[in-house]
Amino acid sequence: MKNLIILVLMVFSSVVFSQSENDKVNRSAFQLEIAANETYQYSMDVPESPYFVHEKVLQLFCTETVFVECEIEQDTISSMKVVAENLHPQKTIVIRFTQNSEDRKKISSELNVKNPFQKSLVYDAMMFTPNSQDWQSTSIIPIQPQLENYELWPHAIVTLVLERWRFE
């Protein structure tokens, strides 16, 4: 009996450890370089920093892809965290933020968000561009249940803040 209890405790502690090991609170420092316009290349050192700058306020830099695992309570997103691997696809929002600058006369920024939930997913967004150097609101289309949404802007964006996550 004692060996069984020890075995159960070992399995439980390894499961808890592996789940917390998957948490990815901070992004690693990296050099961000994107096309700002036809001739100017925007570059910045992104320091090691949290993905969530406040509760349920996610900041993404261009070129990042993240898995945001959510906990749902009473039809509301109660908590969100970035994880290294998508171990629970039924409750993980997949987000990709990229730039297309093959034709520097037609630079675009794209945000791809995959909604794993049974309800439409909505959030608000602010963007920071290399040209304005100021935060600006931008409109976002609700993401239908279990589908992906593509937001496209015809210019460079350095970073986005996504907040007020909710179901419709």
N, C-alpha and C. Protein backbone atom coordinates (compact mmCIF):
# COMPACT_ATOMS: atom_id res chain seq x y z
N MET A 1 0.83 -1.19 0.00
CA MET A 1 0.00 0.00 0.00
C MET A 1 0.87 1.26 0.00
N LYS A 2 1.92 1.25 0.84
CA LYS A 2 2.82 2.39 0.92
C LYS A 2 3.46 2.66 -0.45
N ASN A 3 3.86 1.58 -1.14
CA ASN A 3 4.48 1.74 -2.47
C ASN A 3 3.49 2.32 -3.48
N LEU A 4 2.23 1.92 -3.37
CA LEU A 4 1.20 2.45 -4.26
C LEU A 4 1.01 3.95 -4.04
N ILE A 5 0.98 4.38 -2.81
CA ILE A 5 0.82 5.80 -2.48
C ILE A 5 2.02 6.59 -3.02
N ILE A 6 3.21 6.06 -2.82
CA ILE A 6 4.42 6.74 -3.33
C ILE A 6 4.36 6.84 -4.84
N LEU A 7 3.95 5.76 -5.51
CA LEU A 7 3.85 5.77 -6.97
C LEU A 7 2.83 6.82 -7.44
N VAL A 8 1.68 6.88 -6.80
CA VAL A 8 0.65 7.85 -7.16
C VAL A 8 1.18 9.27 -6.96
N LEU A 9 1.86 9.52 -5.86
CA LEU A 9 2.43 10.85 -5.60
C LEU A 9 3.49 11.20 -6.64
N MET A 10 4.31 10.25 -7.03
CA MET A 10 5.34 10.51 -8.04
C MET A 10 4.70 10.86 -9.38
N VAL A 11 3.68 10.11 -9.78
CA VAL A 11 3.01 10.37 -11.05
C VAL A 11 2.34 11.74 -11.00
N PHE A 12 1.64 12.04 -9.91
CA PHE A 12 0.96 13.34 -9.77
C PHE A 12 1.96 14.48 -9.82
N SER A 13 3.07 14.36 -9.09
CA SER A 13 4.04 15.45 -9.08
C SER A 13 4.71 15.62 -10.44
N SER A 14 4.93 14.52 -11.17
CA SER A 14 5.53 14.66 -12.50
C SER A 14 4.56 15.31 -13.48
N VAL A 15 3.25 15.03 -13.35
CA VAL A 15 2.25 15.66 -14.21
C VAL A 15 2.19 17.15 -13.91
N VAL A 16 2.14 17.53 -12.64
CA VAL A 16 2.10 18.94 -12.26
C VAL A 16 3.36 19.64 -12.74
N PHE A 17 4.52 19.00 -12.57
CA PHE A 17 5.78 19.61 -13.00
C PHE A 17 5.81 19.79 -14.51
N SER A 18 5.36 18.79 -15.27
CA SER A 18 5.43 18.90 -16.72
C SER A 18 4.46 19.96 -17.23
N GLN A 19 3.30 20.13 -16.58
CA GLN A 19 2.38 21.17 -17.01
C GLN A 19 2.97 22.55 -16.76
N SER A 20 3.55 22.77 -15.58
CA SER A 20 4.12 24.08 -15.30
C SER A 20 5.39 24.29 -16.13
N GLU A 21 6.05 23.22 -16.49
CA GLU A 21 7.24 23.31 -17.34
C GLU A 21 6.87 23.81 -18.74
N ASN A 22 5.65 23.57 -19.15
CA ASN A 22 5.18 24.01 -20.47
C ASN A 22 4.83 25.51 -20.49
N ASP A 23 4.62 26.11 -19.32
CA ASP A 23 4.31 27.54 -19.25
C ASP A 23 5.47 28.35 -19.81
N LYS A 24 5.13 29.38 -20.54
CA LYS A 24 6.15 30.24 -21.16
C LYS A 24 5.78 31.69 -20.83
N VAL A 25 6.15 32.15 -19.65
CA VAL A 25 5.76 33.46 -19.16
C VAL A 25 6.42 34.57 -19.96
N ASN A 26 7.72 34.43 -20.22
CA ASN A 26 8.48 35.47 -20.92
C ASN A 26 8.95 35.00 -22.29
N ARG A 27 9.01 35.94 -23.22
CA ARG A 27 9.64 35.68 -24.51
C ARG A 27 11.15 35.83 -24.30
N SER A 28 11.92 35.15 -25.06
CA SER A 28 13.37 35.33 -25.03
C SER A 28 13.70 36.63 -25.77
N ALA A 29 14.79 37.25 -25.37
CA ALA A 29 15.25 38.47 -26.06
C ALA A 29 15.58 38.11 -27.51
N PHE A 30 15.26 39.02 -28.42
CA PHE A 30 15.60 38.79 -29.82
C PHE A 30 15.73 40.11 -30.56
N GLN A 31 16.35 40.06 -31.72
CA GLN A 31 16.50 41.21 -32.60
C GLN A 31 15.34 41.19 -33.60
N LEU A 32 14.47 42.20 -33.54
CA LEU A 32 13.37 42.31 -34.48
C LEU A 32 13.81 43.17 -35.64
N GLU A 33 13.59 42.67 -36.85
CA GLU A 33 13.90 43.46 -38.03
C GLU A 33 12.79 43.24 -39.05
N ILE A 34 12.12 44.34 -39.41
CA ILE A 34 11.04 44.27 -40.39
C ILE A 34 11.19 45.42 -41.38
N ALA A 35 10.55 45.29 -42.53
CA ALA A 35 10.53 46.38 -43.51
C ALA A 35 9.54 47.42 -43.03
N ALA A 36 9.99 48.68 -42.91
CA ALA A 36 9.10 49.76 -42.49
C ALA A 36 8.39 50.38 -43.69
N ASN A 37 9.12 50.52 -44.78
CA ASN A 37 8.57 51.06 -46.03
C ASN A 37 9.46 50.60 -47.18
N GLU A 38 9.37 51.26 -48.33
CA GLU A 38 10.13 50.82 -49.51
C GLU A 38 11.64 50.81 -49.28
N THR A 39 12.14 51.74 -48.47
CA THR A 39 13.59 51.89 -48.33
C THR A 39 14.12 51.68 -46.92
N TYR A 40 13.28 51.83 -45.91
CA TYR A 40 13.73 51.82 -44.52
C TYR A 40 13.46 50.47 -43.86
N GLN A 41 14.48 49.94 -43.21
CA GLN A 41 14.36 48.71 -42.43
C GLN A 41 14.26 49.10 -40.96
N TYR A 42 13.23 48.63 -40.26
CA TYR A 42 13.05 48.93 -38.84
C TYR A 42 13.71 47.82 -38.03
N SER A 43 14.48 48.20 -37.03
CA SER A 43 15.18 47.23 -36.21
C SER A 43 15.10 47.65 -34.75
N MET A 44 14.93 46.68 -33.87
CA MET A 44 14.95 46.95 -32.44
C MET A 44 15.34 45.70 -31.67
N ASP A 45 15.95 45.91 -30.52
CA ASP A 45 16.24 44.82 -29.61
C ASP A 45 15.04 44.63 -28.71
N VAL A 46 14.38 43.49 -28.84
CA VAL A 46 13.26 43.17 -27.95
C VAL A 46 13.86 42.45 -26.75
N PRO A 47 13.73 43.04 -25.56
CA PRO A 47 14.32 42.39 -24.38
C PRO A 47 13.49 41.19 -23.94
N GLU A 48 14.07 40.36 -23.10
CA GLU A 48 13.26 39.32 -22.47
C GLU A 48 12.14 40.05 -21.75
N SER A 49 10.92 39.64 -22.02
CA SER A 49 9.77 40.37 -21.47
C SER A 49 8.55 39.45 -21.43
N PRO A 50 7.58 39.78 -20.57
CA PRO A 50 6.38 38.94 -20.49
C PRO A 50 5.50 39.08 -21.73
N TYR A 51 4.87 37.99 -22.12
CA TYR A 51 3.88 38.05 -23.20
C TYR A 51 2.65 38.80 -22.72
N PHE A 52 2.22 38.49 -21.50
CA PHE A 52 1.07 39.17 -20.93
C PHE A 52 1.58 40.34 -20.08
N VAL A 53 1.31 41.54 -20.56
CA VAL A 53 1.79 42.74 -19.87
C VAL A 53 0.87 43.13 -18.73
N HIS A 54 -0.32 42.56 -18.71
CA HIS A 54 -1.30 42.72 -17.65
C HIS A 54 -2.22 41.52 -17.78
N GLU A 55 -3.09 41.30 -16.82
CA GLU A 55 -3.98 40.15 -16.89
C GLU A 55 -4.79 40.17 -18.19
N LYS A 56 -4.66 39.14 -19.00
CA LYS A 56 -5.34 38.96 -20.27
C LYS A 56 -5.06 40.09 -21.28
N VAL A 57 -3.90 40.72 -21.16
CA VAL A 57 -3.45 41.74 -22.13
C VAL A 57 -2.16 41.21 -22.75
N LEU A 58 -2.28 40.71 -23.97
CA LEU A 58 -1.18 40.04 -24.66
C LEU A 58 -0.48 41.01 -25.61
N GLN A 59 0.85 41.09 -25.50
CA GLN A 59 1.62 41.88 -26.46
C GLN A 59 2.41 40.93 -27.35
N LEU A 60 2.28 41.15 -28.67
CA LEU A 60 3.01 40.35 -29.65
C LEU A 60 3.85 41.26 -30.53
N PHE A 61 5.03 40.79 -30.87
CA PHE A 61 5.88 41.50 -31.82
C PHE A 61 5.79 40.77 -33.15
N CYS A 62 5.94 41.54 -34.22
CA CYS A 62 5.91 40.94 -35.55
C CYS A 62 6.93 39.80 -35.59
N THR A 63 6.58 38.73 -36.25
CA THR A 63 7.34 37.48 -36.41
C THR A 63 7.04 36.45 -35.33
N GLU A 64 6.26 36.79 -34.30
CA GLU A 64 6.00 35.83 -33.22
C GLU A 64 4.79 34.94 -33.50
N THR A 65 4.90 33.71 -33.04
CA THR A 65 3.79 32.75 -33.00
C THR A 65 3.69 32.27 -31.57
N VAL A 66 2.46 32.28 -31.02
CA VAL A 66 2.28 31.85 -29.63
C VAL A 66 1.07 30.93 -29.51
N PHE A 67 1.13 30.09 -28.49
CA PHE A 67 0.00 29.24 -28.09
C PHE A 67 -0.51 29.81 -26.77
N VAL A 68 -1.76 30.25 -26.76
CA VAL A 68 -2.35 30.85 -25.56
C VAL A 68 -3.39 29.88 -25.00
N GLU A 69 -3.04 29.25 -23.89
CA GLU A 69 -3.92 28.29 -23.26
C GLU A 69 -4.86 29.04 -22.31
N CYS A 70 -6.15 28.72 -22.41
CA CYS A 70 -7.17 29.45 -21.64
C CYS A 70 -7.91 28.52 -20.68
N GLU A 71 -8.34 29.09 -19.59
CA GLU A 71 -9.25 28.41 -18.68
C GLU A 71 -10.59 29.13 -18.79
N ILE A 72 -11.67 28.34 -18.89
CA ILE A 72 -13.01 28.90 -19.06
C ILE A 72 -13.83 28.57 -17.81
N GLU A 73 -14.46 29.60 -17.26
CA GLU A 73 -15.35 29.43 -16.11
C GLU A 73 -16.63 30.20 -16.38
N GLN A 74 -17.74 29.51 -16.29
CA GLN A 74 -19.06 30.12 -16.49
C GLN A 74 -19.11 30.93 -17.79
N ASP A 75 -18.68 30.31 -18.87
CA ASP A 75 -18.74 30.91 -20.20
C ASP A 75 -17.89 32.17 -20.36
N THR A 76 -16.85 32.30 -19.53
CA THR A 76 -15.95 33.45 -19.58
C THR A 76 -14.51 32.96 -19.56
N ILE A 77 -13.63 33.64 -20.29
CA ILE A 77 -12.22 33.31 -20.23
C ILE A 77 -11.70 33.83 -18.90
N SER A 78 -11.40 32.92 -17.98
CA SER A 78 -10.99 33.33 -16.63
C SER A 78 -9.49 33.54 -16.52
N SER A 79 -8.71 32.81 -17.31
CA SER A 79 -7.26 33.01 -17.28
C SER A 79 -6.66 32.60 -18.62
N MET A 80 -5.51 33.20 -18.89
CA MET A 80 -4.79 32.94 -20.14
C MET A 80 -3.30 32.87 -19.84
N LYS A 81 -2.61 31.97 -20.54
CA LYS A 81 -1.16 31.89 -20.40
C LYS A 81 -0.56 31.38 -21.70
N VAL A 82 0.64 31.84 -21.99
CA VAL A 82 1.37 31.35 -23.16
C VAL A 82 2.08 30.07 -22.75
N VAL A 83 2.02 29.08 -23.62
CA VAL A 83 2.67 27.79 -23.37
C VAL A 83 3.61 27.48 -24.53
N ALA A 84 4.62 26.68 -24.24
CA ALA A 84 5.62 26.32 -25.24
C ALA A 84 5.06 25.37 -26.30
N GLU A 85 4.22 24.43 -25.86
CA GLU A 85 3.63 23.45 -26.78
C GLU A 85 2.12 23.45 -26.64
N ASN A 86 1.44 23.18 -27.72
CA ASN A 86 -0.02 23.12 -27.72
C ASN A 86 -0.47 21.72 -27.27
N LEU A 87 -0.44 21.49 -25.97
CA LEU A 87 -0.80 20.19 -25.41
C LEU A 87 -2.30 20.00 -25.27
N HIS A 88 -3.05 21.12 -25.26
CA HIS A 88 -4.51 21.08 -25.08
C HIS A 88 -5.19 21.91 -26.18
N PRO A 89 -5.22 21.39 -27.42
CA PRO A 89 -5.74 22.18 -28.54
C PRO A 89 -7.18 22.65 -28.37
N GLN A 90 -7.97 21.94 -27.56
CA GLN A 90 -9.37 22.31 -27.37
C GLN A 90 -9.53 23.59 -26.55
N LYS A 91 -8.46 24.05 -25.91
CA LYS A 91 -8.55 25.28 -25.12
C LYS A 91 -7.35 26.21 -25.37
N THR A 92 -6.72 26.06 -26.54
CA THR A 92 -5.54 26.85 -26.86
C THR A 92 -5.76 27.67 -28.14
N ILE A 93 -5.63 28.98 -28.01
CA ILE A 93 -5.71 29.90 -29.14
C ILE A 93 -4.33 29.96 -29.77
N VAL A 94 -4.26 29.73 -31.07
CA VAL A 94 -2.98 29.80 -31.80
C VAL A 94 -2.94 31.14 -32.53
N ILE A 95 -1.86 31.90 -32.30
CA ILE A 95 -1.75 33.24 -32.88
C ILE A 95 -0.41 33.37 -33.61
N ARG A 96 -0.49 33.83 -34.87
CA ARG A 96 0.71 34.09 -35.68
C ARG A 96 0.66 35.54 -36.17
N PHE A 97 1.76 36.25 -35.98
CA PHE A 97 1.85 37.65 -36.40
C PHE A 97 3.04 37.76 -37.34
N THR A 98 2.77 38.03 -38.62
CA THR A 98 3.81 38.02 -39.64
C THR A 98 3.76 39.27 -40.51
N GLN A 99 4.80 39.42 -41.31
CA GLN A 99 4.85 40.51 -42.28
C GLN A 99 5.19 39.93 -43.65
N ASN A 100 4.56 40.49 -44.67
CA ASN A 100 4.91 40.14 -46.04
C ASN A 100 5.54 41.38 -46.66
N SER A 101 6.82 41.28 -46.99
CA SER A 101 7.54 42.41 -47.57
C SER A 101 8.33 42.01 -48.82
N GLU A 102 7.87 40.94 -49.47
CA GLU A 102 8.54 40.53 -50.71
C GLU A 102 8.53 41.67 -51.73
N ASP A 103 7.40 42.33 -51.86
CA ASP A 103 7.29 43.52 -52.70
C ASP A 103 7.24 44.71 -51.73
N ARG A 104 8.33 45.42 -51.60
CA ARG A 104 8.42 46.49 -50.59
C ARG A 104 7.48 47.65 -50.89
N LYS A 105 6.88 47.67 -52.06
CA LYS A 105 5.87 48.69 -52.37
C LYS A 105 4.51 48.29 -51.84
N LYS A 106 4.38 47.02 -51.44
CA LYS A 106 3.10 46.49 -50.94
C LYS A 106 3.31 45.74 -49.63
N ILE A 107 3.96 46.36 -48.68
CA ILE A 107 4.20 45.74 -47.38
C ILE A 107 2.87 45.52 -46.67
N SER A 108 2.72 44.36 -46.06
CA SER A 108 1.51 44.09 -45.28
C SER A 108 1.87 43.34 -44.00
N SER A 109 1.02 43.50 -43.01
CA SER A 109 1.14 42.78 -41.74
C SER A 109 -0.10 41.91 -41.60
N GLU A 110 0.10 40.69 -41.09
CA GLU A 110 -1.01 39.75 -40.98
C GLU A 110 -1.05 39.13 -39.59
N LEU A 111 -2.25 39.06 -39.05
CA LEU A 111 -2.48 38.39 -37.78
C LEU A 111 -3.44 37.24 -38.04
N ASN A 112 -2.99 36.04 -37.72
CA ASN A 112 -3.80 34.83 -37.88
C ASN A 112 -4.13 34.31 -36.49
N VAL A 113 -5.42 34.18 -36.18
CA VAL A 113 -5.86 33.70 -34.87
C VAL A 113 -6.79 32.52 -35.07
N LYS A 114 -6.48 31.41 -34.41
CA LYS A 114 -7.29 30.20 -34.49
C LYS A 114 -8.11 30.06 -33.21
N ASN A 115 -9.44 30.02 -33.36
CA ASN A 115 -10.37 29.92 -32.25
C ASN A 115 -10.76 28.45 -32.02
N PRO A 116 -10.35 27.85 -30.90
CA PRO A 116 -10.68 26.45 -30.66
C PRO A 116 -12.04 26.25 -29.97
N PHE A 117 -12.71 27.33 -29.64
CA PHE A 117 -13.90 27.26 -28.79
C PHE A 117 -15.20 27.11 -29.59
N GLN A 118 -16.28 26.80 -28.86
CA GLN A 118 -17.59 26.59 -29.45
C GLN A 118 -18.38 27.88 -29.64
N LYS A 119 -17.79 29.01 -29.25
CA LYS A 119 -18.44 30.32 -29.40
C LYS A 119 -17.52 31.25 -30.15
N SER A 120 -18.11 32.32 -30.71
CA SER A 120 -17.30 33.33 -31.39
C SER A 120 -16.37 34.01 -30.40
N LEU A 121 -15.14 34.21 -30.80
CA LEU A 121 -14.12 34.83 -29.96
C LEU A 121 -13.89 36.26 -30.43
N VAL A 122 -13.87 37.19 -29.46
CA VAL A 122 -13.70 38.61 -29.75
C VAL A 122 -12.61 39.16 -28.85
N TYR A 123 -11.88 40.14 -29.36
CA TYR A 123 -10.87 40.84 -28.57
C TYR A 123 -10.68 42.22 -29.18
N ASP A 124 -10.03 43.10 -28.46
CA ASP A 124 -9.71 44.44 -28.96
C ASP A 124 -8.22 44.48 -29.27
N ALA A 125 -7.83 45.38 -30.17
CA ALA A 125 -6.43 45.43 -30.57
C ALA A 125 -5.94 46.87 -30.70
N MET A 126 -4.68 47.05 -30.33
CA MET A 126 -3.96 48.31 -30.52
C MET A 126 -2.67 47.95 -31.27
N MET A 127 -2.23 48.87 -32.15
CA MET A 127 -1.00 48.60 -32.90
C MET A 127 -0.03 49.76 -32.76
N PHE A 128 1.25 49.42 -32.90
CA PHE A 128 2.34 50.39 -32.87
C PHE A 128 3.11 50.19 -34.17
N THR A 129 3.17 51.23 -35.00
CA THR A 129 3.81 51.11 -36.31
C THR A 129 5.14 51.88 -36.33
N PRO A 130 6.05 51.50 -37.21
CA PRO A 130 7.33 52.22 -37.28
C PRO A 130 7.17 53.64 -37.84
N ASN A 131 6.10 53.89 -38.55
CA ASN A 131 5.91 55.21 -39.15
C ASN A 131 5.27 56.21 -38.20
N SER A 132 4.30 55.79 -37.40
CA SER A 132 3.61 56.75 -36.53
C SER A 132 4.25 56.84 -35.15
N GLN A 133 4.88 55.76 -34.69
CA GLN A 133 5.49 55.70 -33.36
C GLN A 133 4.49 56.08 -32.27
N ASP A 134 3.23 55.68 -32.47
CA ASP A 134 2.18 55.96 -31.52
C ASP A 134 1.21 54.78 -31.51
N TRP A 135 0.59 54.49 -30.37
CA TRP A 135 -0.39 53.41 -30.29
C TRP A 135 -1.69 53.86 -30.95
N GLN A 136 -2.27 52.98 -31.77
CA GLN A 136 -3.54 53.27 -32.45
C GLN A 136 -4.47 52.07 -32.32
N SER A 137 -5.74 52.34 -32.12
CA SER A 137 -6.74 51.28 -32.12
C SER A 137 -6.92 50.76 -33.53
N THR A 138 -7.27 49.50 -33.62
CA THR A 138 -7.59 48.92 -34.93
C THR A 138 -8.77 47.97 -34.76
N SER A 139 -9.57 47.86 -35.78
CA SER A 139 -10.76 47.01 -35.68
C SER A 139 -10.37 45.54 -35.93
N ILE A 140 -11.11 44.67 -35.29
CA ILE A 140 -10.88 43.23 -35.39
C ILE A 140 -12.22 42.56 -35.65
N ILE A 141 -12.23 41.59 -36.54
CA ILE A 141 -13.44 40.84 -36.86
C ILE A 141 -13.56 39.66 -35.89
N PRO A 142 -14.75 39.43 -35.31
CA PRO A 142 -14.93 38.25 -34.43
C PRO A 142 -14.57 36.96 -35.16
N ILE A 143 -14.03 36.02 -34.42
CA ILE A 143 -13.62 34.74 -35.01
C ILE A 143 -14.70 33.72 -34.70
N GLN A 144 -15.27 33.16 -35.73
CA GLN A 144 -16.35 32.19 -35.57
C GLN A 144 -15.83 30.93 -34.86
N PRO A 145 -16.74 30.17 -34.23
CA PRO A 145 -16.34 28.98 -33.48
C PRO A 145 -15.52 28.01 -34.32
N GLN A 146 -14.42 27.57 -33.75
CA GLN A 146 -13.53 26.56 -34.31
C GLN A 146 -13.02 26.90 -35.72
N LEU A 147 -12.84 28.20 -35.98
CA LEU A 147 -12.30 28.63 -37.26
C LEU A 147 -11.10 29.54 -37.03
N GLU A 148 -10.45 29.91 -38.13
CA GLU A 148 -9.32 30.84 -38.08
C GLU A 148 -9.73 32.15 -38.71
N ASN A 149 -9.13 33.22 -38.24
CA ASN A 149 -9.39 34.54 -38.80
C ASN A 149 -8.07 35.15 -39.23
N TYR A 150 -8.10 35.88 -40.34
CA TYR A 150 -6.92 36.56 -40.85
C TYR A 150 -7.21 38.06 -40.90
N GLU A 151 -6.46 38.81 -40.12
CA GLU A 151 -6.53 40.27 -40.16
C GLU A 151 -5.34 40.74 -40.99
N LEU A 152 -5.57 41.66 -41.91
CA LEU A 152 -4.53 42.12 -42.81
C LEU A 152 -4.50 43.64 -42.81
N TRP A 153 -3.31 44.20 -42.63
CA TRP A 153 -3.11 45.65 -42.68
C TRP A 153 -2.11 45.96 -43.80
N PRO A 154 -2.37 47.00 -44.60
CA PRO A 154 -1.49 47.30 -45.74
C PRO A 154 -0.28 48.15 -45.37
N HIS A 155 0.34 47.83 -44.24
CA HIS A 155 1.52 48.57 -43.78
C HIS A 155 2.25 47.75 -42.71
N ALA A 156 3.40 48.22 -42.33
CA ALA A 156 4.20 47.55 -41.31
C ALA A 156 3.64 47.82 -39.91
N ILE A 157 3.70 46.81 -39.06
CA ILE A 157 3.33 46.94 -37.65
C ILE A 157 4.46 46.31 -36.83
N VAL A 158 4.94 47.04 -35.84
CA VAL A 158 6.01 46.53 -34.97
C VAL A 158 5.44 45.57 -33.93
N THR A 159 4.38 46.02 -33.24
CA THR A 159 3.83 45.23 -32.15
C THR A 159 2.33 45.46 -32.04
N LEU A 160 1.63 44.45 -31.55
CA LEU A 160 0.19 44.52 -31.29
C LEU A 160 -0.07 44.21 -29.83
N VAL A 161 -1.09 44.85 -29.28
CA VAL A 161 -1.60 44.50 -27.96
C VAL A 161 -3.03 44.01 -28.17
N LEU A 162 -3.30 42.79 -27.71
CA LEU A 162 -4.62 42.17 -27.84
C LEU A 162 -5.20 42.04 -26.43
N GLU A 163 -6.40 42.59 -26.24
CA GLU A 163 -6.98 42.62 -24.89
C GLU A 163 -8.49 42.46 -24.93
N ARG A 164 -9.10 42.43 -23.76
CA ARG A 164 -10.55 42.28 -23.58
C ARG A 164 -11.08 41.06 -24.31
N TRP A 165 -10.43 39.94 -24.13
CA TRP A 165 -10.82 38.68 -24.75
C TRP A 165 -12.17 38.26 -24.19
N ARG A 166 -13.10 37.87 -25.08
CA ARG A 166 -14.43 37.50 -24.62
C ARG A 166 -15.14 36.67 -25.71
N PHE A 167 -16.24 36.06 -25.29
CA PHE A 167 -17.07 35.31 -26.22
C PHE A 167 -18.30 36.12 -26.61
N GLU A 168 -18.76 35.90 -27.81
CA GLU A 168 -19.96 36.58 -28.30
C GLU A 168 -21.07 35.58 -28.46
